[in-house]
N, C-alpha and C. Protein backbone atom coordinates (compact mmCIF):
# COMPACT_ATOMS: atom_id res chain seq x y z
N UNK A 1 14.40 -17.56 -9.92
CA UNK A 1 14.52 -16.72 -11.09
C UNK A 1 15.95 -16.18 -11.13
N UNK A 2 16.64 -16.32 -12.26
CA UNK A 2 17.99 -15.81 -12.41
C UNK A 2 17.93 -14.30 -12.65
N UNK A 3 18.73 -13.57 -11.92
CA UNK A 3 18.80 -12.12 -12.07
C UNK A 3 20.25 -11.75 -12.33
N UNK A 4 20.57 -11.18 -13.50
CA UNK A 4 21.94 -10.74 -13.75
C UNK A 4 22.37 -9.75 -12.67
N UNK A 5 23.64 -9.78 -12.31
CA UNK A 5 24.10 -8.97 -11.18
C UNK A 5 23.84 -7.49 -11.38
N UNK A 6 23.96 -6.97 -12.58
CA UNK A 6 23.69 -5.55 -12.81
C UNK A 6 22.25 -5.19 -12.53
N UNK A 7 21.33 -6.06 -12.94
CA UNK A 7 19.91 -5.83 -12.68
C UNK A 7 19.64 -5.92 -11.19
N UNK A 8 20.25 -6.91 -10.52
CA UNK A 8 20.08 -7.06 -9.08
C UNK A 8 20.55 -5.81 -8.35
N UNK A 9 21.71 -5.27 -8.76
CA UNK A 9 22.23 -4.06 -8.13
C UNK A 9 21.28 -2.88 -8.33
N UNK A 10 20.71 -2.73 -9.54
CA UNK A 10 19.78 -1.65 -9.81
C UNK A 10 18.55 -1.81 -8.92
N UNK A 11 17.98 -3.03 -8.86
CA UNK A 11 16.81 -3.25 -8.02
C UNK A 11 17.12 -2.99 -6.56
N UNK A 12 18.27 -3.46 -6.10
CA UNK A 12 18.65 -3.25 -4.71
C UNK A 12 18.78 -1.76 -4.41
N UNK A 13 19.43 -1.02 -5.29
CA UNK A 13 19.60 0.41 -5.07
C UNK A 13 18.27 1.15 -5.15
N UNK A 14 17.35 0.71 -6.03
CA UNK A 14 16.05 1.37 -6.11
C UNK A 14 15.24 1.12 -4.85
N UNK A 15 15.40 -0.07 -4.27
CA UNK A 15 14.65 -0.38 -3.06
C UNK A 15 15.25 0.26 -1.82
N UNK A 16 16.56 0.26 -1.73
CA UNK A 16 17.19 0.64 -0.48
C UNK A 16 18.19 1.79 -0.57
N UNK A 17 18.46 2.28 -1.77
CA UNK A 17 19.47 3.32 -1.90
C UNK A 17 20.82 2.77 -1.48
N UNK A 18 21.62 3.55 -0.85
CA UNK A 18 22.95 3.10 -0.44
C UNK A 18 23.00 2.69 1.01
N UNK A 19 21.87 2.82 1.72
CA UNK A 19 21.88 2.46 3.13
C UNK A 19 21.96 0.95 3.33
N UNK A 20 22.57 0.49 4.41
CA UNK A 20 22.64 -0.95 4.65
C UNK A 20 21.25 -1.49 4.98
N UNK A 21 21.07 -2.77 4.73
CA UNK A 21 19.78 -3.37 5.04
C UNK A 21 20.01 -4.81 5.48
N UNK A 22 19.03 -5.38 6.15
CA UNK A 22 19.15 -6.74 6.63
C UNK A 22 17.92 -7.56 6.26
N UNK A 23 17.37 -7.31 5.12
CA UNK A 23 16.23 -8.08 4.63
C UNK A 23 16.65 -8.86 3.40
N UNK A 24 16.02 -9.99 3.20
CA UNK A 24 16.28 -10.79 2.02
C UNK A 24 15.51 -10.21 0.85
N UNK A 25 16.17 -10.09 -0.29
CA UNK A 25 15.51 -9.58 -1.48
C UNK A 25 15.42 -10.72 -2.47
N UNK A 26 14.24 -10.95 -2.99
CA UNK A 26 14.06 -11.88 -4.07
C UNK A 26 12.98 -11.32 -4.97
N UNK A 27 12.97 -11.74 -6.21
CA UNK A 27 11.93 -11.27 -7.12
C UNK A 27 10.86 -12.33 -7.23
N UNK A 28 9.64 -11.89 -7.26
CA UNK A 28 8.50 -12.77 -7.41
C UNK A 28 7.77 -12.37 -8.68
N UNK A 29 7.11 -13.33 -9.26
CA UNK A 29 6.30 -13.03 -10.42
C UNK A 29 5.09 -12.23 -9.96
N UNK A 30 4.71 -11.25 -10.73
CA UNK A 30 3.54 -10.44 -10.42
C UNK A 30 2.82 -10.15 -11.72
N UNK A 31 1.58 -9.76 -11.61
CA UNK A 31 0.78 -9.43 -12.78
C UNK A 31 0.25 -8.02 -12.59
N UNK A 32 0.42 -7.19 -13.60
CA UNK A 32 -0.09 -5.82 -13.54
C UNK A 32 -1.61 -5.86 -13.70
N UNK A 33 -2.31 -4.77 -13.37
CA UNK A 33 -3.77 -4.74 -13.56
C UNK A 33 -4.17 -4.99 -15.02
N UNK A 34 -3.27 -4.72 -15.96
CA UNK A 34 -3.56 -4.96 -17.38
C UNK A 34 -3.29 -6.40 -17.79
N UNK A 35 -2.80 -7.23 -16.86
CA UNK A 35 -2.57 -8.64 -17.14
C UNK A 35 -1.16 -8.97 -17.63
N UNK A 36 -0.27 -8.00 -17.67
CA UNK A 36 1.10 -8.25 -18.13
C UNK A 36 1.94 -8.81 -16.98
N UNK A 37 2.80 -9.76 -17.29
CA UNK A 37 3.68 -10.33 -16.27
C UNK A 37 4.85 -9.39 -16.03
N UNK A 38 5.30 -9.33 -14.79
CA UNK A 38 6.48 -8.54 -14.47
C UNK A 38 7.08 -9.10 -13.20
N UNK A 39 8.29 -8.68 -12.91
CA UNK A 39 8.94 -9.08 -11.67
C UNK A 39 8.72 -7.99 -10.64
N UNK A 40 8.46 -8.38 -9.42
CA UNK A 40 8.26 -7.43 -8.33
C UNK A 40 9.07 -7.89 -7.14
N UNK A 41 9.56 -6.96 -6.32
CA UNK A 41 10.34 -7.36 -5.17
C UNK A 41 9.47 -8.02 -4.12
N UNK A 42 9.97 -9.07 -3.53
CA UNK A 42 9.31 -9.69 -2.39
C UNK A 42 10.25 -9.48 -1.22
N UNK A 43 9.83 -8.69 -0.28
CA UNK A 43 10.63 -8.40 0.89
C UNK A 43 10.08 -9.23 2.03
N UNK A 44 10.92 -10.02 2.65
CA UNK A 44 10.44 -10.85 3.74
C UNK A 44 11.12 -10.44 5.02
N UNK A 45 10.37 -10.48 6.09
CA UNK A 45 10.88 -10.21 7.42
C UNK A 45 10.57 -11.41 8.27
N UNK A 46 11.36 -11.64 9.29
CA UNK A 46 11.00 -12.73 10.18
C UNK A 46 9.67 -12.41 10.86
N UNK A 47 8.81 -13.43 11.08
CA UNK A 47 7.54 -13.14 11.72
C UNK A 47 7.75 -12.55 13.11
N UNK A 48 6.92 -11.59 13.45
CA UNK A 48 6.99 -10.97 14.76
C UNK A 48 5.90 -11.58 15.63
N UNK A 49 6.28 -12.08 16.78
CA UNK A 49 5.29 -12.68 17.67
C UNK A 49 4.66 -11.59 18.51
N UNK A 50 3.47 -11.87 18.98
CA UNK A 50 2.81 -10.93 19.87
C UNK A 50 2.08 -9.81 19.17
N UNK A 51 2.11 -9.76 17.84
CA UNK A 51 1.43 -8.69 17.12
C UNK A 51 -0.04 -9.07 16.98
N UNK A 52 -0.92 -8.18 17.37
CA UNK A 52 -2.35 -8.45 17.28
C UNK A 52 -2.84 -8.19 15.86
N UNK A 53 -3.83 -8.95 15.46
CA UNK A 53 -4.42 -8.79 14.14
C UNK A 53 -5.39 -7.61 14.17
N UNK A 54 -5.34 -6.80 13.12
CA UNK A 54 -6.24 -5.66 12.97
C UNK A 54 -7.05 -5.83 11.71
N UNK A 55 -8.23 -5.26 11.69
CA UNK A 55 -9.00 -5.27 10.47
C UNK A 55 -8.74 -3.95 9.75
N UNK A 56 -8.18 -4.08 8.54
CA UNK A 56 -7.87 -2.91 7.71
C UNK A 56 -8.59 -3.02 6.38
N UNK A 57 -8.86 -1.89 5.77
CA UNK A 57 -9.41 -1.82 4.42
C UNK A 57 -8.94 -0.51 3.81
N UNK A 58 -9.14 -0.34 2.51
CA UNK A 58 -8.79 0.91 1.83
C UNK A 58 -9.99 1.42 1.05
N UNK A 59 -9.98 2.73 0.78
CA UNK A 59 -11.08 3.35 0.02
C UNK A 59 -10.64 4.77 -0.35
N UNK A 60 -11.51 5.46 -1.08
CA UNK A 60 -11.27 6.88 -1.37
C UNK A 60 -12.05 7.73 -0.38
N UNK A 61 -11.61 8.97 -0.22
CA UNK A 61 -12.37 9.91 0.60
C UNK A 61 -13.79 10.05 0.07
N UNK A 62 -13.94 10.08 -1.27
CA UNK A 62 -15.22 10.33 -1.90
C UNK A 62 -16.20 9.17 -1.73
N UNK A 63 -15.71 7.93 -1.71
CA UNK A 63 -16.58 6.76 -1.67
C UNK A 63 -16.80 6.23 -0.25
N UNK A 64 -16.06 6.73 0.71
CA UNK A 64 -16.17 6.24 2.08
C UNK A 64 -17.53 6.56 2.69
N UNK A 65 -18.07 5.61 3.45
CA UNK A 65 -19.27 5.83 4.25
C UNK A 65 -18.98 5.34 5.67
N UNK A 66 -19.65 5.90 6.65
CA UNK A 66 -19.35 5.60 8.04
C UNK A 66 -19.55 4.13 8.41
N UNK A 67 -20.41 3.41 7.70
CA UNK A 67 -20.60 1.99 8.02
C UNK A 67 -19.40 1.13 7.62
N UNK A 68 -18.44 1.69 6.91
CA UNK A 68 -17.25 0.93 6.50
C UNK A 68 -16.25 0.77 7.63
N UNK A 69 -16.20 1.71 8.57
CA UNK A 69 -15.23 1.67 9.65
C UNK A 69 -14.78 3.08 10.02
N UNK A 70 -13.58 3.19 10.57
CA UNK A 70 -13.03 4.47 10.99
C UNK A 70 -12.18 5.06 9.87
N UNK A 71 -12.49 6.28 9.41
CA UNK A 71 -11.75 6.88 8.30
C UNK A 71 -10.38 7.40 8.74
N UNK A 72 -9.33 6.90 8.08
CA UNK A 72 -7.95 7.26 8.41
C UNK A 72 -7.28 7.86 7.18
N UNK A 73 -6.74 9.03 7.34
CA UNK A 73 -6.03 9.73 6.25
C UNK A 73 -4.69 9.05 5.99
N UNK A 74 -4.36 8.85 4.70
CA UNK A 74 -3.03 8.35 4.31
C UNK A 74 -2.45 9.19 3.19
N UNK A 75 -2.80 10.47 3.16
CA UNK A 75 -2.35 11.37 2.10
C UNK A 75 -1.52 12.49 2.68
N UNK A 76 -0.61 13.01 1.83
CA UNK A 76 0.25 14.12 2.26
C UNK A 76 -0.57 15.36 2.57
N UNK A 77 -1.63 15.58 1.83
CA UNK A 77 -2.51 16.71 2.08
C UNK A 77 -3.90 16.24 2.47
N UNK A 78 -4.60 17.06 3.21
CA UNK A 78 -5.97 16.73 3.62
C UNK A 78 -6.94 17.17 2.53
N UNK A 79 -8.10 16.54 2.46
CA UNK A 79 -9.10 16.99 1.48
C UNK A 79 -9.46 18.46 1.70
N UNK A 80 -9.70 19.17 0.61
CA UNK A 80 -10.02 20.60 0.68
C UNK A 80 -11.51 20.86 0.51
N UNK A 81 -12.31 19.84 0.63
CA UNK A 81 -13.75 19.97 0.54
C UNK A 81 -14.37 19.34 1.78
N UNK A 82 -15.60 19.71 2.13
CA UNK A 82 -16.24 19.11 3.30
C UNK A 82 -16.50 17.62 3.04
N UNK A 83 -16.11 16.80 3.99
CA UNK A 83 -16.23 15.35 3.81
C UNK A 83 -17.59 14.80 4.22
N UNK A 84 -18.24 15.40 5.17
CA UNK A 84 -19.48 14.84 5.68
C UNK A 84 -19.22 13.85 6.82
N UNK A 85 -17.98 13.69 7.18
CA UNK A 85 -17.56 12.86 8.31
C UNK A 85 -16.24 13.41 8.81
N UNK A 86 -15.87 13.06 10.03
CA UNK A 86 -14.61 13.54 10.60
C UNK A 86 -13.58 12.42 10.53
N UNK A 87 -12.37 12.78 10.09
CA UNK A 87 -11.28 11.80 10.04
C UNK A 87 -10.91 11.39 11.46
N UNK A 88 -10.64 10.09 11.65
CA UNK A 88 -10.32 9.56 12.97
C UNK A 88 -8.82 9.59 13.25
N UNK A 89 -8.02 9.91 12.25
CA UNK A 89 -6.58 9.97 12.45
C UNK A 89 -5.83 10.03 11.13
N UNK A 90 -4.51 10.04 11.25
CA UNK A 90 -3.61 10.11 10.09
C UNK A 90 -2.53 9.06 10.27
N UNK A 91 -2.47 8.10 9.36
CA UNK A 91 -1.43 7.07 9.38
C UNK A 91 -0.22 7.64 8.63
N UNK A 92 0.65 8.31 9.35
CA UNK A 92 1.75 9.03 8.73
C UNK A 92 2.82 8.12 8.14
N UNK A 93 3.05 6.96 8.74
CA UNK A 93 4.12 6.09 8.26
C UNK A 93 3.81 5.44 6.91
N UNK A 94 2.55 5.35 6.54
CA UNK A 94 2.20 4.78 5.24
C UNK A 94 1.84 5.85 4.22
N UNK A 95 1.94 7.11 4.60
CA UNK A 95 1.65 8.22 3.70
C UNK A 95 2.82 8.44 2.75
N UNK A 96 2.57 8.44 1.42
CA UNK A 96 3.66 8.73 0.49
C UNK A 96 4.18 10.15 0.71
N UNK A 97 5.47 10.33 0.50
CA UNK A 97 6.07 11.66 0.68
C UNK A 97 5.66 12.58 -0.48
N UNK A 98 5.72 13.87 -0.23
CA UNK A 98 5.43 14.83 -1.28
C UNK A 98 6.43 14.70 -2.44
N UNK A 99 7.68 14.35 -2.10
CA UNK A 99 8.70 14.18 -3.14
C UNK A 99 8.36 13.00 -4.05
N UNK A 100 7.88 11.92 -3.47
CA UNK A 100 7.49 10.76 -4.27
C UNK A 100 6.32 11.12 -5.18
N UNK A 101 5.36 11.83 -4.64
CA UNK A 101 4.20 12.23 -5.45
C UNK A 101 4.61 13.18 -6.57
N UNK A 102 5.53 14.11 -6.29
CA UNK A 102 5.96 15.09 -7.29
C UNK A 102 6.79 14.47 -8.40
N UNK A 103 7.39 13.30 -8.13
CA UNK A 103 8.25 12.65 -9.13
C UNK A 103 7.46 12.15 -10.32
N UNK A 104 6.13 11.96 -10.17
CA UNK A 104 5.27 11.54 -11.28
C UNK A 104 5.83 10.31 -12.00
N UNK A 105 6.14 9.27 -11.23
CA UNK A 105 6.76 8.06 -11.74
C UNK A 105 5.74 7.11 -12.37
N UNK A 106 6.19 6.26 -13.30
CA UNK A 106 5.31 5.19 -13.76
C UNK A 106 5.08 4.22 -12.59
N UNK A 107 4.04 3.41 -12.70
CA UNK A 107 3.62 2.59 -11.57
C UNK A 107 4.72 1.70 -11.01
N UNK A 108 5.49 1.02 -11.84
CA UNK A 108 6.51 0.11 -11.30
C UNK A 108 7.58 0.86 -10.52
N UNK A 109 8.03 1.99 -11.02
CA UNK A 109 9.04 2.78 -10.31
C UNK A 109 8.46 3.37 -9.02
N UNK A 110 7.20 3.79 -9.09
CA UNK A 110 6.53 4.31 -7.90
C UNK A 110 6.45 3.22 -6.83
N UNK A 111 6.06 2.01 -7.23
CA UNK A 111 5.94 0.91 -6.27
C UNK A 111 7.28 0.62 -5.60
N UNK A 112 8.36 0.57 -6.37
CA UNK A 112 9.68 0.34 -5.79
C UNK A 112 10.02 1.43 -4.77
N UNK A 113 9.77 2.68 -5.14
CA UNK A 113 10.09 3.79 -4.24
C UNK A 113 9.21 3.79 -3.00
N UNK A 114 7.94 3.49 -3.17
CA UNK A 114 7.02 3.46 -2.03
C UNK A 114 7.37 2.31 -1.09
N UNK A 115 7.73 1.16 -1.65
CA UNK A 115 8.15 0.03 -0.81
C UNK A 115 9.42 0.37 -0.03
N UNK A 116 10.27 1.16 -0.62
CA UNK A 116 11.47 1.59 0.10
C UNK A 116 11.08 2.39 1.34
N UNK A 117 10.09 3.26 1.22
CA UNK A 117 9.61 4.03 2.37
C UNK A 117 9.02 3.09 3.42
N UNK A 118 8.14 2.17 2.97
CA UNK A 118 7.52 1.23 3.91
C UNK A 118 8.56 0.36 4.61
N UNK A 119 9.50 -0.17 3.84
CA UNK A 119 10.54 -1.01 4.43
C UNK A 119 11.45 -0.23 5.36
N UNK A 120 11.65 1.05 5.07
CA UNK A 120 12.46 1.89 5.95
C UNK A 120 11.81 2.05 7.32
N UNK A 121 10.49 2.17 7.34
CA UNK A 121 9.78 2.25 8.62
C UNK A 121 9.67 0.88 9.28
N UNK A 122 9.47 -0.15 8.47
CA UNK A 122 9.35 -1.51 8.98
C UNK A 122 7.94 -1.85 9.42
N UNK A 123 7.61 -3.13 9.30
CA UNK A 123 6.27 -3.58 9.63
C UNK A 123 5.94 -3.37 11.10
N UNK A 124 6.91 -3.51 11.99
CA UNK A 124 6.62 -3.36 13.42
C UNK A 124 6.20 -1.93 13.77
N UNK A 125 6.91 -0.93 13.23
CA UNK A 125 6.54 0.47 13.51
C UNK A 125 5.21 0.83 12.85
N UNK A 126 5.01 0.35 11.62
CA UNK A 126 3.75 0.64 10.92
C UNK A 126 2.59 -0.02 11.66
N UNK A 127 2.77 -1.28 12.06
CA UNK A 127 1.71 -1.98 12.79
C UNK A 127 1.42 -1.26 14.10
N UNK A 128 2.45 -0.79 14.80
CA UNK A 128 2.25 -0.09 16.07
C UNK A 128 1.45 1.20 15.86
N UNK A 129 1.76 1.94 14.79
CA UNK A 129 1.01 3.17 14.52
C UNK A 129 -0.45 2.85 14.22
N UNK A 130 -0.68 1.83 13.39
CA UNK A 130 -2.06 1.46 13.06
C UNK A 130 -2.80 0.92 14.29
N UNK A 131 -2.10 0.15 15.13
CA UNK A 131 -2.73 -0.38 16.36
C UNK A 131 -3.13 0.75 17.30
N UNK A 132 -2.30 1.80 17.38
CA UNK A 132 -2.63 2.95 18.23
C UNK A 132 -3.87 3.67 17.67
N UNK A 133 -3.96 3.79 16.36
CA UNK A 133 -5.14 4.40 15.76
C UNK A 133 -6.38 3.54 16.01
N UNK A 134 -6.23 2.22 15.89
CA UNK A 134 -7.35 1.31 16.14
C UNK A 134 -7.80 1.41 17.59
N UNK A 135 -6.87 1.50 18.52
CA UNK A 135 -7.22 1.64 19.94
C UNK A 135 -7.96 2.96 20.17
N UNK A 136 -7.53 4.01 19.47
CA UNK A 136 -8.18 5.33 19.60
C UNK A 136 -9.64 5.29 19.16
N UNK A 137 -9.96 4.42 18.19
CA UNK A 137 -11.34 4.32 17.68
C UNK A 137 -12.07 3.09 18.23
N UNK A 138 -11.57 2.55 19.31
CA UNK A 138 -12.25 1.44 19.97
C UNK A 138 -12.17 0.12 19.24
N UNK A 139 -11.13 -0.08 18.43
CA UNK A 139 -10.94 -1.35 17.75
C UNK A 139 -11.71 -1.50 16.45
N UNK A 140 -12.36 -0.44 16.00
CA UNK A 140 -13.10 -0.50 14.74
C UNK A 140 -12.15 -0.75 13.57
N UNK A 141 -12.70 -1.25 12.46
CA UNK A 141 -11.89 -1.44 11.26
C UNK A 141 -11.37 -0.09 10.81
N UNK A 142 -10.07 -0.02 10.50
CA UNK A 142 -9.46 1.19 9.97
C UNK A 142 -9.61 1.18 8.46
N UNK A 143 -10.15 2.24 7.90
CA UNK A 143 -10.27 2.37 6.45
C UNK A 143 -9.28 3.44 6.03
N UNK A 144 -8.22 3.01 5.34
CA UNK A 144 -7.13 3.88 4.92
C UNK A 144 -7.53 4.58 3.63
N UNK A 145 -7.59 5.91 3.69
CA UNK A 145 -8.17 6.70 2.61
C UNK A 145 -7.15 7.50 1.81
N UNK A 146 -7.46 7.66 0.52
CA UNK A 146 -6.73 8.61 -0.32
C UNK A 146 -7.69 9.12 -1.39
N UNK A 147 -7.19 9.90 -2.32
CA UNK A 147 -8.02 10.59 -3.30
C UNK A 147 -8.33 9.76 -4.55
N UNK A 148 -7.47 8.83 -4.92
CA UNK A 148 -7.51 8.20 -6.24
C UNK A 148 -8.57 7.11 -6.35
N UNK A 149 -9.45 7.26 -7.33
CA UNK A 149 -10.46 6.24 -7.61
C UNK A 149 -9.85 5.16 -8.48
N UNK A 150 -10.24 3.92 -8.22
CA UNK A 150 -9.68 2.77 -8.94
C UNK A 150 -10.71 2.13 -9.86
N UNK A 151 -11.75 2.87 -10.25
CA UNK A 151 -12.86 2.29 -10.99
C UNK A 151 -12.62 2.13 -12.49
N UNK A 152 -11.49 2.58 -12.99
CA UNK A 152 -11.18 2.43 -14.42
C UNK A 152 -9.94 1.56 -14.59
N UNK A 153 -9.92 0.70 -15.60
CA UNK A 153 -8.74 -0.13 -15.83
C UNK A 153 -7.49 0.74 -15.97
N UNK A 154 -6.41 0.31 -15.33
CA UNK A 154 -5.15 1.05 -15.39
C UNK A 154 -4.98 2.06 -14.27
N UNK A 155 -6.04 2.40 -13.54
CA UNK A 155 -5.91 3.31 -12.40
C UNK A 155 -5.23 2.59 -11.25
N UNK A 156 -4.39 3.30 -10.53
CA UNK A 156 -3.70 2.72 -9.37
C UNK A 156 -3.36 3.86 -8.41
N UNK A 157 -3.03 3.49 -7.20
CA UNK A 157 -2.56 4.46 -6.21
C UNK A 157 -1.78 3.71 -5.14
N UNK A 158 -1.29 4.43 -4.15
CA UNK A 158 -0.48 3.80 -3.12
C UNK A 158 -1.27 2.79 -2.30
N UNK A 159 -2.60 2.92 -2.26
CA UNK A 159 -3.41 1.99 -1.46
C UNK A 159 -3.21 0.55 -1.92
N UNK A 160 -3.18 0.31 -3.23
CA UNK A 160 -3.04 -1.08 -3.68
C UNK A 160 -1.64 -1.60 -3.38
N UNK A 161 -0.64 -0.74 -3.45
CA UNK A 161 0.73 -1.18 -3.13
C UNK A 161 0.88 -1.41 -1.64
N UNK A 162 0.24 -0.58 -0.83
CA UNK A 162 0.27 -0.78 0.61
C UNK A 162 -0.43 -2.09 0.97
N UNK A 163 -1.58 -2.36 0.38
CA UNK A 163 -2.31 -3.60 0.68
C UNK A 163 -1.48 -4.83 0.30
N UNK A 164 -0.81 -4.78 -0.84
CA UNK A 164 0.03 -5.90 -1.28
C UNK A 164 1.21 -6.08 -0.33
N UNK A 165 1.87 -4.98 0.03
CA UNK A 165 3.02 -5.04 0.94
C UNK A 165 2.59 -5.58 2.30
N UNK A 166 1.46 -5.09 2.82
CA UNK A 166 0.98 -5.52 4.13
C UNK A 166 0.66 -7.02 4.11
N UNK A 167 0.06 -7.50 3.03
CA UNK A 167 -0.22 -8.93 2.89
C UNK A 167 1.08 -9.74 2.91
N UNK A 168 2.08 -9.27 2.17
CA UNK A 168 3.37 -9.97 2.15
C UNK A 168 4.02 -10.01 3.53
N UNK A 169 3.87 -8.93 4.29
CA UNK A 169 4.52 -8.83 5.59
C UNK A 169 3.79 -9.59 6.68
N UNK A 170 2.45 -9.61 6.62
CA UNK A 170 1.66 -10.15 7.72
C UNK A 170 0.80 -11.35 7.36
N UNK A 171 0.57 -11.55 6.07
CA UNK A 171 -0.36 -12.59 5.65
C UNK A 171 -1.81 -12.15 5.76
N UNK A 172 -2.06 -10.89 6.09
CA UNK A 172 -3.42 -10.37 6.27
C UNK A 172 -3.85 -9.55 5.06
N UNK A 173 -5.00 -9.89 4.50
CA UNK A 173 -5.56 -9.17 3.35
C UNK A 173 -6.07 -7.79 3.78
N UNK A 174 -5.94 -6.83 2.88
CA UNK A 174 -6.48 -5.48 3.09
C UNK A 174 -7.38 -5.20 1.89
N UNK A 175 -8.69 -5.42 2.03
CA UNK A 175 -9.59 -5.26 0.88
C UNK A 175 -9.82 -3.80 0.50
N UNK A 176 -10.07 -3.57 -0.77
CA UNK A 176 -10.46 -2.26 -1.29
C UNK A 176 -11.97 -2.17 -1.23
N UNK A 177 -12.51 -1.13 -0.59
CA UNK A 177 -13.95 -0.97 -0.45
C UNK A 177 -14.55 -0.05 -1.51
N UNK A 178 -13.71 0.69 -2.21
CA UNK A 178 -14.20 1.58 -3.26
C UNK A 178 -14.47 0.80 -4.54
N UNK A 179 -14.98 1.52 -5.54
CA UNK A 179 -15.30 0.91 -6.82
C UNK A 179 -14.03 0.38 -7.48
N UNK A 180 -14.17 -0.77 -8.12
CA UNK A 180 -13.06 -1.38 -8.84
C UNK A 180 -13.44 -1.46 -10.32
N UNK A 181 -12.46 -1.62 -11.20
CA UNK A 181 -12.81 -1.71 -12.63
C UNK A 181 -13.73 -2.90 -12.89
N UNK A 182 -14.69 -2.69 -13.77
CA UNK A 182 -15.56 -3.79 -14.15
C UNK A 182 -14.78 -4.77 -15.02
N UNK A 183 -14.97 -6.03 -14.76
CA UNK A 183 -14.33 -7.06 -15.58
C UNK A 183 -15.24 -7.30 -16.79
N UNK A 184 -14.66 -7.21 -17.98
CA UNK A 184 -15.52 -7.44 -19.16
C UNK A 184 -16.00 -8.88 -19.18
N UNK A 185 -17.19 -9.10 -19.71
CA UNK A 185 -17.69 -10.48 -19.76
C UNK A 185 -16.80 -11.33 -20.66
N UNK A 186 -16.75 -12.63 -20.39
CA UNK A 186 -15.91 -13.49 -21.22
C UNK A 186 -16.42 -13.50 -22.66
N UNK A 187 -15.48 -13.69 -23.57
CA UNK A 187 -15.80 -13.70 -24.99
C UNK A 187 -15.52 -15.10 -25.55
N UNK A 188 -16.34 -15.53 -26.46
CA UNK A 188 -16.10 -16.82 -27.10
C UNK A 188 -15.09 -16.71 -28.23
N UNK A 189 -14.82 -15.51 -28.69
CA UNK A 189 -13.91 -15.32 -29.81
C UNK A 189 -12.76 -14.44 -29.47
């Protein structure tokens, strides 16, 4: 895909700011939840050997049940209501910053900014933090939790961007266990 240099510079600065980086940046075709085509950054890292595979999933605090796995907080703030279960830990490296949340960005700008945070930590540090949490819970599936429900078309949160980024980095899917938007039945007209 041809990218004019000015656009490339804007994308590079949105992803990495002015700090130096050593990752390859390319744009990949992506589709928004509404079905619109857009360009999204594809950040690639060399594969890391020796990394163990973990079972991860995402969900909301409200929809989580204990049979899903070990509940892991990924939010800047903790829930202010009784959960009915105890959190098994906090994945701090994948938690969006309060500044990012306060910026109230549209989804594409939010994704670029959130990926910048994830890329700044790097897959190896993030994987190590998640592996330590998994070891703490005896290897159970980690269910990464936040507040936002995804059951309506157009709803999104950092969980879907984290799952996409993690898949790009590791090749491992991170399924959403909470409710998803219903797909309308096909129409003949």
